[in-house]
């Protein structure tokens, strides 16, 4: 795939989200995440201009100071985003493998304090967080105005351990 004239080798699909496909990509020596925006329907979420939303959300989140990958490049014409690759397991994988640590929940609560001060929520689903060297990073750029029902305490926490909600999700997506 090409981002603004520079070619990247796609190593593997990392995942598909509401807004796009994320791939592990390489430029010869360094690894990146290359996100290709898609326009597939999503029953539970309404989008405007997805590439603009990614750029705007990134800037809003960057100002909060939460740990997240750097947005390295944006190819608006091809709707592609190149970002820093945070190497490590996702919270989802850690929960699934019984390797979660209480410290990870404390770290996300610290993120929440920064986000709530800015009147923002992020997508707290555990596939959106990676652990690198013991520190969690929010690896998505989606954010929304704060709504209590979508806070970590009211929604996200339900998926950060082997709850009924988590196990149901695993069953439906395996």
Protein backbone atom coordinates (compact mmCIF):
# COMPACT_ATOMS: atom_id res chain seq x y z
CA UNK A 1 0.00 0.00 0.00
CA UNK A 2 1.09 3.52 -0.71
CA UNK A 3 0.74 6.53 1.61
CA UNK A 4 1.44 9.87 -0.07
CA UNK A 5 3.76 8.25 -2.62
CA UNK A 6 5.69 6.09 -0.14
CA UNK A 7 5.26 2.33 -0.38
CA UNK A 8 4.70 0.08 2.62
CA UNK A 9 4.75 -3.71 2.69
CA UNK A 10 1.67 -5.17 4.39
CA UNK A 11 2.71 -7.89 6.84
CA UNK A 12 -0.71 -8.83 8.21
CA UNK A 13 -4.20 -7.65 9.04
CA UNK A 14 -4.35 -6.50 12.66
CA UNK A 15 -8.08 -5.95 12.79
CA UNK A 16 -11.22 -4.42 11.38
CA UNK A 17 -13.03 -1.67 13.20
CA UNK A 18 -16.10 0.47 12.63
CA UNK A 19 -14.13 2.84 10.44
CA UNK A 20 -11.40 0.87 8.76
CA UNK A 21 -8.96 -1.99 8.44
CA UNK A 22 -5.66 -1.78 10.35
CA UNK A 23 -2.61 -3.52 8.96
CA UNK A 24 0.86 -4.13 10.28
CA UNK A 25 3.08 -2.53 7.66
CA UNK A 26 6.81 -2.12 7.11
CA UNK A 27 8.89 0.38 5.14
CA UNK A 28 11.92 -1.87 4.93
CA UNK A 29 13.15 -1.51 8.49
CA UNK A 30 10.49 -0.03 10.76
CA UNK A 31 6.97 -1.32 11.54
CA UNK A 32 3.86 0.84 11.44
CA UNK A 33 0.11 0.53 11.57
CA UNK A 34 -1.51 1.48 8.29
CA UNK A 35 -5.24 2.11 8.55
CA UNK A 36 -7.36 1.99 5.42
CA UNK A 37 -10.71 3.72 5.93
CA UNK A 38 -13.70 1.68 4.77
CA UNK A 39 -17.28 2.70 4.05
CA UNK A 40 -19.05 -0.45 5.15
CA UNK A 41 -22.31 0.13 7.05
CA UNK A 42 -22.32 0.10 10.83
CA UNK A 43 -25.69 -0.45 12.54
CA UNK A 44 -24.83 1.27 15.80
CA UNK A 45 -22.64 4.23 14.78
CA UNK A 46 -23.09 7.19 12.43
CA UNK A 47 -20.12 8.65 10.58
CA UNK A 48 -19.48 11.88 8.77
CA UNK A 49 -16.19 12.28 6.92
CA UNK A 50 -14.13 9.45 8.47
CA UNK A 51 -10.65 10.69 7.53
CA UNK A 52 -11.38 14.19 8.87
CA UNK A 53 -12.86 12.66 12.02
CA UNK A 54 -9.67 10.61 12.58
CA UNK A 55 -7.48 13.71 12.21
CA UNK A 56 -9.70 15.83 14.48
CA UNK A 57 -10.05 13.08 17.10
CA UNK A 58 -6.29 12.52 17.11
CA UNK A 59 -5.71 16.21 17.82
CA UNK A 60 -8.31 16.28 20.59
CA UNK A 61 -6.79 13.21 22.24
CA UNK A 62 -3.20 14.39 21.81
CA UNK A 63 -4.04 17.52 23.81
CA UNK A 64 -5.26 15.40 26.76
CA UNK A 65 -1.86 13.78 27.24
CA UNK A 66 -3.06 10.16 27.20
CA UNK A 67 -0.62 7.55 25.93
CA UNK A 68 -1.34 6.78 22.28
CA UNK A 69 0.57 6.18 19.04
CA UNK A 70 1.82 9.10 16.98
CA UNK A 71 -0.04 9.84 13.76
CA UNK A 72 2.86 9.90 11.31
CA UNK A 73 1.15 10.60 7.99
CA UNK A 74 -2.30 10.96 6.43
CA UNK A 75 -3.14 10.29 2.79
CA UNK A 76 -6.46 12.08 2.46
CA UNK A 77 -7.04 11.14 -1.18
CA UNK A 78 -6.65 7.38 -0.52
CA UNK A 79 -8.10 7.59 3.00
CA UNK A 80 -5.08 6.04 4.69
CA UNK A 81 -3.45 6.81 8.02
CA UNK A 82 0.04 5.79 9.03
CA UNK A 83 0.69 5.62 12.74
CA UNK A 84 3.28 4.41 15.20
CA UNK A 85 3.10 0.68 15.94
CA UNK A 86 2.74 -0.06 19.66
CA UNK A 87 4.16 -3.54 20.00
CA UNK A 88 2.45 -5.65 22.62
CA UNK A 89 -0.63 -7.64 23.45
CA UNK A 90 -4.01 -5.98 23.57
CA UNK A 91 -6.01 -5.86 26.78
CA UNK A 92 -8.47 -8.19 25.02
CA UNK A 93 -5.74 -10.81 24.51
CA UNK A 94 -4.56 -10.42 28.10
CA UNK A 95 -8.07 -10.93 29.50
CA UNK A 96 -8.60 -13.94 27.24
CA UNK A 97 -5.29 -15.50 28.40
CA UNK A 98 -5.78 -14.68 32.12
CA UNK A 99 -2.78 -12.33 32.09
CA UNK A 100 -4.51 -9.10 33.12
CA UNK A 101 -2.90 -7.05 35.86
CA UNK A 102 -4.76 -4.71 38.22
CA UNK A 103 -2.25 -2.01 37.25
CA UNK A 104 -3.69 -1.87 33.72
CA UNK A 105 -7.10 -0.92 35.10
CA UNK A 106 -5.42 1.73 37.28
CA UNK A 107 -3.64 3.09 34.20
CA UNK A 108 -6.89 3.37 32.24
CA UNK A 109 -8.49 5.12 35.21
CA UNK A 110 -5.64 7.67 35.05
CA UNK A 111 -6.43 8.10 31.34
CA UNK A 112 -10.08 8.61 32.27
CA UNK A 113 -9.19 11.47 34.59
CA UNK A 114 -7.43 13.26 31.72
CA UNK A 115 -10.24 12.49 29.28
CA UNK A 116 -13.10 13.42 31.58
CA UNK A 117 -11.39 16.76 32.34
CA UNK A 118 -11.54 17.38 28.57
CA UNK A 119 -15.19 16.16 28.47
CA UNK A 120 -14.27 13.19 26.28
CA UNK A 121 -14.93 9.48 26.12
CA UNK A 122 -12.92 7.00 24.08
CA UNK A 123 -13.86 3.53 22.92
CA UNK A 124 -12.97 1.51 26.02
CA UNK A 125 -13.33 -1.85 24.31
CA UNK A 126 -10.17 -3.86 25.19
CA UNK A 127 -9.04 -4.41 21.58
CA UNK A 128 -8.33 -0.66 21.49
CA UNK A 129 -5.57 -0.85 24.11
CA UNK A 130 -2.11 -2.36 23.81
CA UNK A 131 0.46 -2.93 26.54
CA UNK A 132 4.06 -2.10 25.73
CA UNK A 133 6.71 -2.40 28.44
CA UNK A 134 4.03 -2.50 31.14
CA UNK A 135 2.27 0.67 29.97
CA UNK A 136 -1.11 0.82 28.27
CA UNK A 137 -1.71 2.83 25.12
CA UNK A 138 -5.02 3.73 23.51
CA UNK A 139 -4.29 2.56 19.97
CA UNK A 140 -7.45 3.93 18.34
CA UNK A 141 -8.13 7.62 17.72
CA UNK A 142 -11.92 7.59 18.16
CA UNK A 143 -13.29 9.91 20.79
CA UNK A 144 -16.66 11.47 21.53
CA UNK A 145 -18.16 14.05 23.84
CA UNK A 146 -18.43 12.63 27.34
CA UNK A 147 -21.62 10.73 28.10
CA UNK A 148 -21.85 8.95 31.43
CA UNK A 149 -23.42 5.80 29.94
CA UNK A 150 -20.31 5.27 27.74
CA UNK A 151 -17.73 6.00 30.45
CA UNK A 152 -15.20 3.40 31.48
CA UNK A 153 -16.99 2.83 34.79
CA UNK A 154 -20.40 2.30 33.21
CA UNK A 155 -19.51 0.50 29.99
CA UNK A 156 -15.83 -0.22 29.36
CA UNK A 157 -15.04 -2.02 32.62
CA UNK A 158 -17.53 -4.75 31.60
CA UNK A 159 -14.99 -5.95 29.02
CA UNK A 160 -11.77 -5.68 31.04
CA UNK A 161 -12.21 -9.04 32.79
CA UNK A 162 -13.98 -12.31 32.09
CA UNK A 163 -17.45 -10.94 32.73
CA UNK A 164 -20.60 -12.32 31.14
CA UNK A 165 -20.43 -9.48 28.57
CA UNK A 166 -16.83 -10.30 27.68
CA UNK A 167 -17.49 -14.04 27.39
CA UNK A 168 -20.60 -13.41 25.26
CA UNK A 169 -18.54 -11.22 22.91
CA UNK A 170 -15.88 -13.95 22.62
CA UNK A 171 -18.55 -16.55 21.88
CA UNK A 172 -20.16 -14.40 19.16
CA UNK A 173 -16.84 -13.47 17.51
CA UNK A 174 -14.90 -16.75 17.61
